[in-house]
Amino acid sequence: MNVRASNQSYSSQQQPKTLEHEVKYVFSNLRVTPVLQWLQHICRIDPEFPHNIVASIYYDTKDWRFLQEKINSDYLKTKLRVRWYREPDDRISPGTAFIELKSKVGAPRTKFRMKAPYSSQWFSEIPLENQQLLEIPQLLQSHGVFLEDQVFPAFIVQYERYRFIEGISGARVCVDCNISAPKVNRYMLPEPNPMPIQTAVLEIKGHLECLPNVLSQLTAFGCRKSSFSKYLACYQEIRRVAYV
């Protein structure tokens, strides 16, 4: 999948774009509680957003080109999604949703983010087959970002996220658990899989190229470094296959 962008769109005034490193560790969803207890001792709980539910509509081409990037290469990846948040008690408020386009070349990644024209409640309730969702990728063009192939809403990925801040490096640490795919576009996939997958993910994001020393004990909890993709894992659960 090729993504083109005009020079103007990458200016500091118009393009909310970041460059940072991201490292992922996977572990059993059954071990989330001890991992969270350990992180509470060595990190600060994020004061603004300590815990919420994250939901995203992922877009892809008819032949699953974004998905194929994840399978065939850990070096170059692209993802397009609409993301919103809600409270852990499952309340859905008419809050802001965001359109996100992420590109990854090696370890560094870039992310473009803009507000979506509809509320989070609207996105959570609309069927993924609705034609209005096809208009969302076109909104990127006003910011100079162009997708060279038509994309469609594929399915929703949903999970719980706990956020922490590592005090010395300032790295952001997230634990994502209870990952599921509760809704699909039935033109793309036959049925959803609302049951959580067996894997949880710990993500470390920041401007460091190596793991902060204080987090080096992750392996004691069975954590292993991985290029894990929630999008790919949910697709595999829905289709009940190991590979596309």
Protein backbone atom coordinates (compact mmCIF):
# COMPACT_ATOMS: atom_id res chain seq x y z
CA MET A 1 0.00 0.00 0.00
CA ASN A 2 1.43 3.37 -1.04
CA VAL A 3 0.71 6.51 0.95
CA ARG A 4 1.55 9.83 -0.67
CA ALA A 5 1.78 13.13 1.16
CA SER A 6 2.42 16.64 -0.08
CA ASN A 7 5.29 18.62 1.44
CA GLN A 8 2.83 21.12 2.80
CA SER A 9 0.97 18.50 4.79
CA TYR A 10 4.05 17.67 6.84
CA SER A 11 4.60 21.21 8.09
CA SER A 12 4.58 21.66 11.87
CA GLN A 13 1.51 23.87 11.65
CA GLN A 14 -0.73 21.57 9.64
CA GLN A 15 0.39 18.03 10.39
CA PRO A 16 0.05 16.58 13.92
CA LYS A 17 2.82 14.09 13.19
CA THR A 18 5.16 12.39 15.66
CA LEU A 19 8.28 10.25 15.36
CA GLU A 20 9.11 7.82 18.16
CA HIS A 21 10.11 4.26 18.95
CA GLU A 22 7.71 1.55 20.04
CA VAL A 23 8.58 -1.82 21.60
CA LYS A 24 6.01 -4.52 22.34
CA TYR A 25 6.05 -7.46 24.74
CA VAL A 26 3.40 -10.17 24.79
CA PHE A 27 2.28 -12.34 27.70
CA SER A 28 -0.70 -14.42 28.77
CA ASN A 29 -3.94 -12.55 29.34
CA LEU A 30 -4.21 -14.58 32.58
CA ARG A 31 -1.14 -12.77 34.00
CA VAL A 32 -2.45 -9.23 33.61
CA THR A 33 -3.09 -8.71 37.34
CA PRO A 34 0.50 -9.43 38.57
CA VAL A 35 1.98 -7.40 35.70
CA LEU A 36 -0.20 -4.41 36.63
CA GLN A 37 0.70 -4.75 40.32
CA TRP A 38 4.41 -4.76 39.45
CA LEU A 39 4.10 -1.71 37.18
CA GLN A 40 2.29 0.21 39.93
CA HIS A 41 5.42 -0.17 42.09
CA ILE A 42 8.00 0.94 39.52
CA CYS A 43 6.06 3.44 37.38
CA ARG A 44 3.65 6.30 37.90
CA ILE A 45 0.04 5.70 36.96
CA ASP A 46 -0.89 8.05 34.12
CA PRO A 47 -2.59 10.97 35.89
CA GLU A 48 -4.85 11.88 32.97
CA PHE A 49 -5.97 8.57 31.44
CA PRO A 50 -5.09 5.70 33.79
CA HIS A 51 -7.59 3.14 32.47
CA ASN A 52 -10.18 3.03 29.71
CA ILE A 53 -11.60 1.00 26.85
CA VAL A 54 -10.08 1.60 23.41
CA ALA A 55 -12.09 0.81 20.28
CA SER A 56 -10.95 1.20 16.67
CA ILE A 57 -12.45 0.60 13.24
CA TYR A 58 -9.61 -0.72 11.07
CA TYR A 59 -9.65 -0.08 7.33
CA ASP A 60 -8.10 -2.28 4.67
CA THR A 61 -8.28 -3.01 0.95
CA LYS A 62 -10.49 -5.77 -0.45
CA ASP A 63 -7.42 -8.00 -0.76
CA TRP A 64 -6.19 -7.16 2.79
CA ARG A 65 -3.05 -5.30 1.75
CA PHE A 66 -2.43 -3.69 5.16
CA LEU A 67 -2.79 -7.10 6.77
CA GLN A 68 -0.32 -8.59 4.31
CA GLU A 69 2.23 -5.92 5.26
CA LYS A 70 2.06 -7.11 8.86
CA ILE A 71 2.51 -10.75 7.86
CA ASN A 72 5.26 -10.29 5.29
CA SER A 73 7.39 -7.57 6.83
CA ASP A 74 8.21 -6.22 10.26
CA TYR A 75 10.08 -3.33 8.60
CA LEU A 76 7.35 -1.50 6.67
CA LYS A 77 3.78 -1.26 7.95
CA THR A 78 0.77 1.02 7.44
CA LYS A 79 -2.51 1.18 9.32
CA LEU A 80 -5.60 3.35 8.99
CA ARG A 81 -8.24 3.41 11.70
CA VAL A 82 -10.89 5.46 13.47
CA ARG A 83 -10.32 5.35 17.23
CA TRP A 84 -12.38 6.36 20.24
CA TYR A 85 -12.38 5.76 23.99
CA ARG A 86 -14.91 4.97 26.67
CA GLU A 87 -15.05 4.38 30.40
CA PRO A 88 -14.30 0.93 31.90
CA ASP A 89 -17.90 0.67 33.14
CA ASP A 90 -18.91 0.42 29.45
CA ARG A 91 -20.51 3.85 29.26
CA ILE A 92 -20.33 5.36 25.78
CA SER A 93 -20.38 9.15 25.77
CA PRO A 94 -20.75 11.34 22.66
CA GLY A 95 -17.05 12.22 22.81
CA THR A 96 -14.43 12.80 20.15
CA ALA A 97 -13.27 10.12 17.74
CA PHE A 98 -10.01 10.35 15.80
CA ILE A 99 -8.83 9.31 12.35
CA GLU A 100 -5.30 7.89 12.59
CA LEU A 101 -2.84 6.93 9.88
CA LYS A 102 0.28 5.20 11.20
CA SER A 103 3.38 4.32 9.21
CA LYS A 104 6.29 2.28 10.52
CA VAL A 105 9.71 1.97 8.89
CA GLY A 106 11.89 -0.24 11.07
CA ALA A 107 11.49 0.70 14.73
CA PRO A 108 10.69 4.43 14.24
CA ARG A 109 7.06 5.15 13.49
CA THR A 110 5.04 8.20 12.45
CA LYS A 111 1.43 8.93 13.23
CA PHE A 112 -1.00 11.41 11.68
CA ARG A 113 -4.09 12.13 13.75
CA MET A 114 -7.14 14.33 13.13
CA LYS A 115 -10.57 14.68 14.69
CA ALA A 116 -13.31 12.68 13.00
CA PRO A 117 -16.51 14.46 11.88
CA TYR A 118 -18.75 12.20 13.99
CA SER A 119 -18.85 11.37 17.70
CA SER A 120 -17.52 8.23 19.33
CA GLN A 121 -21.10 7.18 20.03
CA TRP A 122 -21.94 7.43 16.33
CA PHE A 123 -18.98 5.21 15.38
CA SER A 124 -19.77 2.67 18.08
CA GLU A 125 -23.37 2.26 16.92
CA ILE A 126 -23.17 2.42 13.12
CA PRO A 127 -23.04 -0.86 11.13
CA LEU A 128 -19.69 -1.23 9.41
CA GLU A 129 -21.46 -1.82 6.11
CA ASN A 130 -22.81 1.76 6.19
CA GLN A 131 -21.68 3.76 3.15
CA GLN A 132 -20.89 6.84 5.25
CA LEU A 133 -17.82 5.08 6.62
CA LEU A 134 -16.34 5.05 3.10
CA GLU A 135 -16.09 8.85 3.28
CA ILE A 136 -13.69 8.78 6.25
CA PRO A 137 -10.43 7.99 4.35
CA GLN A 138 -11.19 10.79 1.88
CA LEU A 139 -10.91 13.34 4.71
CA LEU A 140 -7.15 12.74 4.81
CA GLN A 141 -6.81 14.36 1.39
CA SER A 142 -7.53 17.81 2.82
CA HIS A 143 -4.33 17.36 4.85
CA GLY A 144 -2.29 16.27 1.85
CA VAL A 145 -2.36 12.54 2.63
CA PHE A 146 -3.50 10.24 -0.18
CA LEU A 147 -4.11 6.50 -0.18
CA GLU A 148 -3.55 5.06 -3.64
CA ASP A 149 -6.04 2.20 -3.23
CA GLN A 150 -9.63 2.20 -2.03
CA VAL A 151 -10.04 1.01 1.54
CA PHE A 152 -13.06 -0.26 3.47
CA PRO A 153 -13.96 -0.61 7.15
CA ALA A 154 -12.99 -4.19 8.05
CA PHE A 155 -13.73 -4.79 11.73
CA ILE A 156 -13.53 -3.25 15.21
CA VAL A 157 -10.68 -4.09 17.57
CA GLN A 158 -11.49 -3.40 21.23
CA TYR A 159 -9.46 -3.80 24.43
CA GLU A 160 -8.81 -2.47 27.93
CA ARG A 161 -5.79 -0.19 28.30
CA TYR A 162 -3.87 0.67 31.49
CA ARG A 163 -1.35 3.52 31.20
CA PHE A 164 1.82 4.26 33.17
CA ILE A 165 4.82 6.59 32.90
CA GLU A 166 8.36 5.38 33.61
CA GLY A 167 9.87 8.10 35.79
CA ILE A 168 13.51 8.12 34.68
CA SER A 169 13.18 7.91 30.90
CA GLY A 170 9.69 9.40 30.61
CA ALA A 171 8.67 6.44 28.45
CA ARG A 172 4.96 5.68 28.25
CA VAL A 173 3.99 2.15 29.23
CA CYS A 174 0.64 0.62 28.28
CA VAL A 175 -0.88 -2.74 29.13
CA ASP A 176 -3.57 -3.83 26.66
CA CYS A 177 -5.72 -6.80 27.64
CA ASN A 178 -9.05 -8.49 26.87
CA ILE A 179 -8.50 -7.86 23.16
CA SER A 180 -11.47 -8.78 20.97
CA ALA A 181 -13.22 -8.08 17.65
CA PRO A 182 -16.87 -7.43 18.56
CA LYS A 183 -18.06 -6.15 15.17
CA VAL A 184 -17.19 -6.85 11.51
CA ASN A 185 -18.09 -5.59 8.07
CA ARG A 186 -19.96 -8.61 6.70
CA TYR A 187 -18.89 -7.72 3.18
CA MET A 188 -15.31 -8.36 4.37
CA LEU A 189 -15.70 -11.11 7.00
CA PRO A 190 -18.44 -13.59 7.92
CA GLU A 191 -18.90 -13.00 11.67
CA PRO A 192 -17.33 -11.23 14.68
CA ASN A 193 -15.48 -12.86 17.57
CA PRO A 194 -16.43 -11.03 20.79
CA MET A 195 -14.43 -13.41 23.03
CA PRO A 196 -11.03 -12.00 24.15
CA ILE A 197 -7.92 -13.56 22.66
CA GLN A 198 -5.41 -15.33 24.94
CA THR A 199 -2.68 -12.69 24.55
CA ALA A 200 -2.10 -9.39 26.35
CA VAL A 201 0.40 -6.76 25.22
CA LEU A 202 2.74 -4.39 27.03
CA GLU A 203 3.82 -1.47 24.86
CA ILE A 204 6.65 0.94 25.62
CA LYS A 205 6.65 4.15 23.60
CA GLY A 206 9.16 6.96 23.67
CA HIS A 207 12.30 8.37 22.13
CA LEU A 208 14.60 5.68 23.52
CA GLU A 209 15.97 2.93 21.31
CA CYS A 210 16.41 0.45 24.19
CA LEU A 211 14.36 -0.74 27.15
CA PRO A 212 14.63 1.39 30.33
CA ASN A 213 16.65 -0.56 32.94
CA VAL A 214 13.85 -0.56 35.48
CA LEU A 215 11.66 -2.53 33.06
CA SER A 216 14.24 -5.24 32.40
CA GLN A 217 12.45 -7.69 34.72
CA LEU A 218 9.56 -8.13 32.29
CA THR A 219 10.76 -11.60 31.38
CA ALA A 220 10.01 -12.78 34.93
CA PHE A 221 6.32 -12.47 34.07
CA GLY A 222 6.66 -14.48 30.89
CA CYS A 223 6.83 -11.37 28.70
CA ARG A 224 8.67 -11.74 25.42
CA LYS A 225 9.51 -9.15 22.81
CA SER A 226 7.26 -9.40 19.77
CA SER A 227 6.00 -7.47 16.78
CA PHE A 228 2.49 -8.48 17.83
CA SER A 229 -0.41 -6.91 15.92
CA LYS A 230 -3.86 -6.76 17.52
CA TYR A 231 -5.32 -6.30 14.07
CA LEU A 232 -3.69 -9.46 12.72
CA ALA A 233 -4.41 -11.48 15.88
CA CYS A 234 -8.11 -10.59 15.78
CA TYR A 235 -8.29 -11.42 12.08
CA GLN A 236 -6.79 -14.83 12.78
CA GLU A 237 -9.31 -15.44 15.58
CA ILE A 238 -12.22 -14.44 13.34
CA ARG A 239 -11.05 -16.61 10.45
CA ARG A 240 -9.62 -19.31 12.75
CA VAL A 241 -6.40 -19.45 10.77
CA ALA A 242 -2.76 -18.98 11.68
CA TYR A 243 -1.87 -17.09 8.47
CA VAL A 244 -3.74 -15.37 5.68
